[in-house]
Amino acid sequence: MKTIHAIYENGVFRPVDAVELPENCKVEFEPRIVEAADGRPDLDDVYEVLGKRFDSRQSDVAEQHDEHQP
């Protein structure tokens, strides 16, 4: 059995790498959330930052666009 890594986007699981399976075959799997290997923040991290920005009630945040950059 081979592990296939995928990203869930817009209601569809998209494999990260090429998958060697016949077209239109049925598969069965149990999704398990794993850490992003590429170091990018997950959606919870993004929503946390956006929520803080929204709660700040600042209307013009363009001046601080570098605030969350590495």
PDB file of N, CA and C in Angstrom:
ATOM      1  N   MET A   1       0.847  -1.180   0.000  1.00  0.00           N
ATOM      2  CA  MET A   1       0.000   0.000   0.000  1.00  0.00           C
ATOM      3  C   MET A   1       0.888   1.237   0.000  1.00  0.00           C
ATOM      4  N   LYS A   2       0.558   2.217  -0.808  1.00  0.00           N
ATOM      5  CA  LYS A   2       1.330   3.451  -0.928  1.00  0.00           C
ATOM      6  C   LYS A   2       0.544   4.614  -0.337  1.00  0.00           C
ATOM      7  N   THR A   3       1.248   5.505   0.350  1.00  0.00           N
ATOM      8  CA  THR A   3       0.625   6.708   0.884  1.00  0.00           C
ATOM      9  C   THR A   3       0.611   7.777  -0.196  1.00  0.00           C
ATOM     10  N   ILE A   4      -0.536   8.372  -0.408  1.00  0.00           N
ATOM     11  CA  ILE A   4      -0.685   9.443  -1.382  1.00  0.00           C
ATOM     12  C   ILE A   4      -1.007  10.714  -0.616  1.00  0.00           C
ATOM     13  N   HIS A   5      -0.186  11.732  -0.795  1.00  0.00           N
ATOM     14  CA  HIS A   5      -0.412  13.013  -0.139  1.00  0.00           C
ATOM     15  C   HIS A   5      -1.263  13.880  -1.053  1.00  0.00           C
ATOM     16  N   ALA A   6      -2.255  14.533  -0.457  1.00  0.00           N
ATOM     17  CA  ALA A   6      -3.165  15.357  -1.248  1.00  0.00           C
ATOM     18  C   ALA A   6      -3.513  16.618  -0.482  1.00  0.00           C
ATOM     19  N   ILE A   7      -4.031  17.590  -1.208  1.00  0.00           N
ATOM     20  CA  ILE A   7      -4.528  18.825  -0.628  1.00  0.00           C
ATOM     21  C   ILE A   7      -6.018  18.898  -0.929  1.00  0.00           C
ATOM     22  N   TYR A   8      -6.798  19.256   0.077  1.00  0.00           N
ATOM     23  CA  TYR A   8      -8.244  19.371  -0.093  1.00  0.00           C
ATOM     24  C   TYR A   8      -8.576  20.805  -0.473  1.00  0.00           C
ATOM     25  N   GLU A   9      -9.076  21.023  -1.692  1.00  0.00           N
ATOM     26  CA  GLU A   9      -9.408  22.342  -2.198  1.00  0.00           C
ATOM     27  C   GLU A   9     -10.759  22.312  -2.891  1.00  0.00           C
ATOM     28  N   ASN A  10     -11.608  23.236  -2.533  1.00  0.00           N
ATOM     29  CA  ASN A  10     -12.908  23.383  -3.205  1.00  0.00           C
ATOM     30  C   ASN A  10     -13.671  22.067  -3.299  1.00  0.00           C
ATOM     31  N   GLY A  11     -13.638  21.277  -2.231  1.00  0.00           N
ATOM     32  CA  GLY A  11     -14.397  20.046  -2.187  1.00  0.00           C
ATOM     33  C   GLY A  11     -13.765  18.864  -2.898  1.00  0.00           C
ATOM     34  N   VAL A  12     -12.500  19.008  -3.328  1.00  0.00           N
ATOM     35  CA  VAL A  12     -11.836  17.942  -4.086  1.00  0.00           C
ATOM     36  C   VAL A  12     -10.454  17.675  -3.484  1.00  0.00           C
ATOM     37  N   PHE A  13     -10.079  16.400  -3.380  1.00  0.00           N
ATOM     38  CA  PHE A  13      -8.737  16.040  -2.961  1.00  0.00           C
ATOM     39  C   PHE A  13      -7.833  16.051  -4.185  1.00  0.00           C
ATOM     40  N   ARG A  14      -6.786  16.900  -4.168  1.00  0.00           N
ATOM     41  CA  ARG A  14      -5.853  17.014  -5.289  1.00  0.00           C
ATOM     42  C   ARG A  14      -4.513  16.422  -4.868  1.00  0.00           C
ATOM     43  N   PRO A  15      -4.067  15.340  -5.510  1.00  0.00           N
ATOM     44  CA  PRO A  15      -2.783  14.745  -5.160  1.00  0.00           C
ATOM     45  C   PRO A  15      -1.638  15.740  -5.344  1.00  0.00           C
ATOM     46  N   VAL A  16      -0.681  15.712  -4.425  1.00  0.00           N
ATOM     47  CA  VAL A  16       0.472  16.598  -4.492  1.00  0.00           C
ATOM     48  C   VAL A  16       1.441  16.124  -5.579  1.00  0.00           C
ATOM     49  N   ASP A  17       1.608  14.819  -5.705  1.00  0.00           N
ATOM     50  CA  ASP A  17       2.500  14.225  -6.704  1.00  0.00           C
ATOM     51  C   ASP A  17       1.685  13.378  -7.677  1.00  0.00           C
ATOM     52  N   ALA A  18       2.323  12.976  -8.770  1.00  0.00           N
ATOM     53  CA  ALA A  18       1.654  12.108  -9.743  1.00  0.00           C
ATOM     54  C   ALA A  18       1.230  10.800  -9.077  1.00  0.00           C
ATOM     55  N   VAL A  19       0.067  10.301  -9.465  1.00  0.00           N
ATOM     56  CA  VAL A  19      -0.474   9.061  -8.904  1.00  0.00           C
ATOM     57  C   VAL A  19      -0.569   8.033 -10.022  1.00  0.00           C
ATOM     58  N   GLU A  20      -0.028   6.858  -9.759  1.00  0.00           N
ATOM     59  CA  GLU A  20      -0.042   5.797 -10.774  1.00  0.00           C
ATOM     60  C   GLU A  20      -1.233   4.869 -10.526  1.00  0.00           C
ATOM     61  N   LEU A  21      -2.381   5.299 -11.031  1.00  0.00           N
ATOM     62  CA  LEU A  21      -3.617   4.521 -10.928  1.00  0.00           C
ATOM     63  C   LEU A  21      -4.321   4.576 -12.276  1.00  0.00           C
ATOM     64  N   PRO A  22      -5.081   3.552 -12.604  1.00  0.00           N
ATOM     65  CA  PRO A  22      -5.847   3.595 -13.855  1.00  0.00           C
ATOM     66  C   PRO A  22      -6.925   4.676 -13.789  1.00  0.00           C
ATOM     67  N   GLU A  23      -7.198   5.303 -14.907  1.00  0.00           N
ATOM     68  CA  GLU A  23      -8.242   6.319 -14.968  1.00  0.00           C
ATOM     69  C   GLU A  23      -9.583   5.727 -14.535  1.00  0.00           C
ATOM     70  N   ASN A  24     -10.362   6.531 -13.852  1.00  0.00           N
ATOM     71  CA  ASN A  24     -11.725   6.193 -13.419  1.00  0.00           C
ATOM     72  C   ASN A  24     -11.802   5.024 -12.452  1.00  0.00           C
ATOM     73  N   CYS A  25     -10.693   4.659 -11.822  1.00  0.00           N
ATOM     74  CA  CYS A  25     -10.774   3.582 -10.824  1.00  0.00           C
ATOM     75  C   CYS A  25     -11.275   4.172  -9.510  1.00  0.00           C
ATOM     76  N   LYS A  26     -11.938   3.362  -8.736  1.00  0.00           N
ATOM     77  CA  LYS A  26     -12.420   3.782  -7.431  1.00  0.00           C
ATOM     78  C   LYS A  26     -11.352   3.482  -6.392  1.00  0.00           C
ATOM     79  N   VAL A  27     -11.203   4.385  -5.451  1.00  0.00           N
ATOM     80  CA  VAL A  27     -10.253   4.182  -4.358  1.00  0.00           C
ATOM     81  C   VAL A  27     -10.970   4.427  -3.033  1.00  0.00           C
ATOM     82  N   GLU A  28     -10.370   3.956  -1.976  1.00  0.00           N
ATOM     83  CA  GLU A  28     -10.917   4.163  -0.643  1.00  0.00           C
ATOM     84  C   GLU A  28      -9.790   4.656   0.243  1.00  0.00           C
ATOM     85  N   PHE A  29     -10.059   5.680   1.051  1.00  0.00           N
ATOM     86  CA  PHE A  29      -9.030   6.177   1.948  1.00  0.00           C
ATOM     87  C   PHE A  29      -9.674   6.843   3.147  1.00  0.00           C
ATOM     88  N   GLU A  30      -8.881   7.002   4.196  1.00  0.00           N
ATOM     89  CA  GLU A  30      -9.303   7.699   5.393  1.00  0.00           C
ATOM     90  C   GLU A  30      -8.420   8.928   5.541  1.00  0.00           C
ATOM     91  N   PRO A  31      -8.959  10.126   5.300  1.00  0.00           N
ATOM     92  CA  PRO A  31      -8.128  11.323   5.374  1.00  0.00           C
ATOM     93  C   PRO A  31      -7.573  11.545   6.780  1.00  0.00           C
ATOM     94  N   ARG A  32      -6.329  11.977   6.827  1.00  0.00           N
ATOM     95  CA  ARG A  32      -5.659  12.308   8.087  1.00  0.00           C
ATOM     96  C   ARG A  32      -4.930  13.618   7.850  1.00  0.00           C
ATOM     97  N   ILE A  33      -5.233  14.640   8.636  1.00  0.00           N
ATOM     98  CA  ILE A  33      -4.604  15.948   8.467  1.00  0.00           C
ATOM     99  C   ILE A  33      -3.163  15.860   8.946  1.00  0.00           C
ATOM    100  N   VAL A  34      -2.252  16.356   8.112  1.00  0.00           N
ATOM    101  CA  VAL A  34      -0.828  16.378   8.452  1.00  0.00           C
ATOM    102  C   VAL A  34      -0.305  17.798   8.310  1.00  0.00           C
ATOM    103  N   GLU A  35       0.815  18.069   8.937  1.00  0.00           N
ATOM    104  CA  GLU A  35       1.451  19.380   8.827  1.00  0.00           C
ATOM    105  C   GLU A  35       1.889  19.629   7.387  1.00  0.00           C
ATOM    106  N   ALA A  36       1.830  20.854   6.963  1.00  0.00           N
ATOM    107  CA  ALA A  36       2.309  21.203   5.634  1.00  0.00           C
ATOM    108  C   ALA A  36       3.825  21.068   5.604  1.00  0.00           C
ATOM    109  N   ALA A  37       4.334  20.306   4.649  1.00  0.00           N
ATOM    110  CA  ALA A  37       5.769  20.061   4.556  1.00  0.00           C
ATOM    111  C   ALA A  37       6.514  21.234   3.936  1.00  0.00           C
ATOM    112  N   ASP A  38       5.795  22.145   3.291  1.00  0.00           N
ATOM    113  CA  ASP A  38       6.460  23.241   2.598  1.00  0.00           C
ATOM    114  C   ASP A  38       6.690  24.466   3.476  1.00  0.00           C
ATOM    115  N   GLY A  39       6.298  24.405   4.741  1.00  0.00           N
ATOM    116  CA  GLY A  39       6.529  25.510   5.658  1.00  0.00           C
ATOM    117  C   GLY A  39       5.520  26.641   5.549  1.00  0.00           C
ATOM    118  N   ARG A  40       4.558  26.504   4.653  1.00  0.00           N
ATOM    119  CA  ARG A  40       3.545  27.543   4.529  1.00  0.00           C
ATOM    120  C   ARG A  40       2.546  27.407   5.669  1.00  0.00           C
ATOM    121  N   PRO A  41       1.962  28.519   6.106  1.00  0.00           N
ATOM    122  CA  PRO A  41       0.960  28.432   7.171  1.00  0.00           C
ATOM    123  C   PRO A  41      -0.292  27.725   6.676  1.00  0.00           C
ATOM    124  N   ASP A  42      -0.972  27.034   7.591  1.00  0.00           N
ATOM    125  CA  ASP A  42      -2.227  26.407   7.200  1.00  0.00           C
ATOM    126  C   ASP A  42      -3.347  27.448   7.309  1.00  0.00           C
ATOM    127  N   LEU A  43      -4.540  27.078   6.901  1.00  0.00           N
ATOM    128  CA  LEU A  43      -5.643  28.047   6.878  1.00  0.00           C
ATOM    129  C   LEU A  43      -5.988  28.576   8.257  1.00  0.00           C
ATOM    130  N   ASP A  44      -5.834  27.766   9.303  1.00  0.00           N
ATOM    131  CA  ASP A  44      -6.110  28.260  10.654  1.00  0.00           C
ATOM    132  C   ASP A  44      -5.197  29.434  10.991  1.00  0.00           C
ATOM    133  N   ASP A  45      -3.921  29.353  10.595  1.00  0.00           N
ATOM    134  CA  ASP A  45      -2.987  30.453  10.835  1.00  0.00           C
ATOM    135  C   ASP A  45      -3.401  31.702  10.070  1.00  0.00           C
ATOM    136  N   VAL A  46      -3.798  31.527   8.830  1.00  0.00           N
ATOM    137  CA  VAL A  46      -4.217  32.654   8.000  1.00  0.00           C
ATOM    138  C   VAL A  46      -5.472  33.303   8.581  1.00  0.00           C
ATOM    139  N   TYR A  47      -6.454  32.489   8.968  1.00  0.00           N
ATOM    140  CA  TYR A  47      -7.687  33.036   9.538  1.00  0.00           C
ATOM    141  C   TYR A  47      -7.428  33.755  10.857  1.00  0.00           C
ATOM    142  N   GLU A  48      -6.464  33.280  11.625  1.00  0.00           N
ATOM    143  CA  GLU A  48      -6.133  33.953  12.887  1.00  0.00           C
ATOM    144  C   GLU A  48      -5.611  35.358  12.619  1.00  0.00           C
ATOM    145  N   VAL A  49      -4.698  35.493  11.654  1.00  0.00           N
ATOM    146  CA  VAL A  49      -4.157  36.801  11.303  1.00  0.00           C
ATOM    147  C   VAL A  49      -5.254  37.706  10.765  1.00  0.00           C
ATOM    148  N   LEU A  50      -6.079  37.175   9.870  1.00  0.00           N
ATOM    149  CA  LEU A  50      -7.161  37.981   9.310  1.00  0.00           C
ATOM    150  C   LEU A  50      -8.157  38.406  10.383  1.00  0.00           C
ATOM    151  N   GLY A  51      -8.442  37.501  11.321  1.00  0.00           N
ATOM    152  CA  GLY A  51      -9.358  37.827  12.408  1.00  0.00           C
ATOM    153  C   GLY A  51      -8.816  38.941  13.285  1.00  0.00           C
ATOM    154  N   LYS A  52      -7.515  38.891  13.587  1.00  0.00           N
ATOM    155  CA  LYS A  52      -6.908  39.953  14.391  1.00  0.00           C
ATOM    156  C   LYS A  52      -6.980  41.282  13.658  1.00  0.00           C
ATOM    157  N   ARG A  53      -6.721  41.248  12.358  1.00  0.00           N
ATOM    158  CA  ARG A  53      -6.771  42.474  11.576  1.00  0.00           C
ATOM    159  C   ARG A  53      -8.196  43.028  11.555  1.00  0.00           C
ATOM    160  N   PHE A  54      -9.177  42.166  11.376  1.00  0.00           N
ATOM    161  CA  PHE A  54     -10.572  42.606  11.363  1.00  0.00           C
ATOM    162  C   PHE A  54     -10.953  43.205  12.710  1.00  0.00           C
ATOM    163  N   ASP A  55     -10.566  42.532  13.805  1.00  0.00           N
ATOM    164  CA  ASP A  55     -10.899  43.006  15.144  1.00  0.00           C
ATOM    165  C   ASP A  55     -10.233  44.336  15.481  1.00  0.00           C
ATOM    166  N   SER A  56      -9.143  44.666  14.779  1.00  0.00           N
ATOM    167  CA  SER A  56      -8.434  45.925  15.057  1.00  0.00           C
ATOM    168  C   SER A  56      -9.231  47.135  14.584  1.00  0.00           C
ATOM    169  N   ARG A  57     -10.195  46.899  13.707  1.00  0.00           N
ATOM    170  CA  ARG A  57     -11.040  47.951  13.140  1.00  0.00           C
ATOM    171  C   ARG A  57     -10.257  48.987  12.335  1.00  0.00           C
ATOM    172  N   GLN A  58      -9.043  48.666  11.908  1.00  0.00           N
ATOM    173  CA  GLN A  58      -8.280  49.567  11.051  1.00  0.00           C
ATOM    174  C   GLN A  58      -8.791  49.415   9.628  1.00  0.00           C
ATOM    175  N   SER A  59      -9.124  50.540   9.010  1.00  0.00           N
ATOM    176  CA  SER A  59      -9.689  50.458   7.667  1.00  0.00           C
ATOM    177  C   SER A  59      -8.615  50.456   6.582  1.00  0.00           C
ATOM    178  N   ASP A  60      -7.451  51.060   6.854  1.00  0.00           N
ATOM    179  CA  ASP A  60      -6.386  51.108   5.852  1.00  0.00           C
ATOM    180  C   ASP A  60      -5.170  50.375   6.392  1.00  0.00           C
ATOM    181  N   VAL A  61      -5.021  49.130   5.992  1.00  0.00           N
ATOM    182  CA  VAL A  61      -3.909  48.330   6.496  1.00  0.00           C
ATOM    183  C   VAL A  61      -2.774  48.219   5.480  1.00  0.00           C
ATOM    184  N   ALA A  62      -2.889  48.936   4.356  1.00  0.00           N
ATOM    185  CA  ALA A  62      -1.850  48.861   3.331  1.00  0.00           C
ATOM    186  C   ALA A  62      -0.506  49.351   3.855  1.00  0.00           C
ATOM    187  N   GLU A  63      -0.533  50.305   4.787  1.00  0.00           N
ATOM    188  CA  GLU A  63       0.712  50.826   5.352  1.00  0.00           C
ATOM    189  C   GLU A  63       1.488  49.748   6.103  1.00  0.00           C
ATOM    190  N   GLN A  64       0.794  48.728   6.586  1.00  0.00           N
ATOM    191  CA  GLN A  64       1.425  47.684   7.407  1.00  0.00           C
ATOM    192  C   GLN A  64       1.511  46.358   6.674  1.00  0.00           C
ATOM    193  N   HIS A  65       1.573  46.395   5.342  1.00  0.00           N
ATOM    194  CA  HIS A  65       1.534  45.148   4.567  1.00  0.00           C
ATOM    195  C   HIS A  65       2.728  44.247   4.819  1.00  0.00           C
ATOM    196  N   ASP A  66       3.849  44.787   5.313  1.00  0.00           N
ATOM    197  CA  ASP A  66       5.025  43.972   5.586  1.00  0.00           C
ATOM    198  C   ASP A  66       5.031  43.385   6.995  1.00  0.00           C
ATOM    199  N   GLU A  67       4.051  43.721   7.779  1.00  0.00           N
ATOM    200  CA  GLU A  67       4.021  43.323   9.186  1.00  0.00           C
ATOM    201  C   GLU A  67       4.099  41.817   9.387  1.00  0.00           C
ATOM    202  N   HIS A  68       3.474  41.033   8.522  1.00  0.00           N
ATOM    203  CA  HIS A  68       3.426  39.582   8.699  1.00  0.00           C
ATOM    204  C   HIS A  68       4.357  38.844   7.738  1.00  0.00           C
ATOM    205  N   GLN A  69       5.252  39.572   7.111  1.00  0.00           N
ATOM    206  CA  GLN A  69       6.192  38.936   6.192  1.00  0.00           C
ATOM    207  C   GLN A  69       7.388  38.397   6.972  1.00  0.00           C
ATOM    208  N   PRO A  70       7.970  37.289   6.501  1.00  0.00           N
ATOM    209  CA  PRO A  70       9.128  36.731   7.201  1.00  0.00           C
ATOM    210  C   PRO A  70      10.353  37.626   7.063  1.00  0.00           C
TER     211      PRO A  70
END
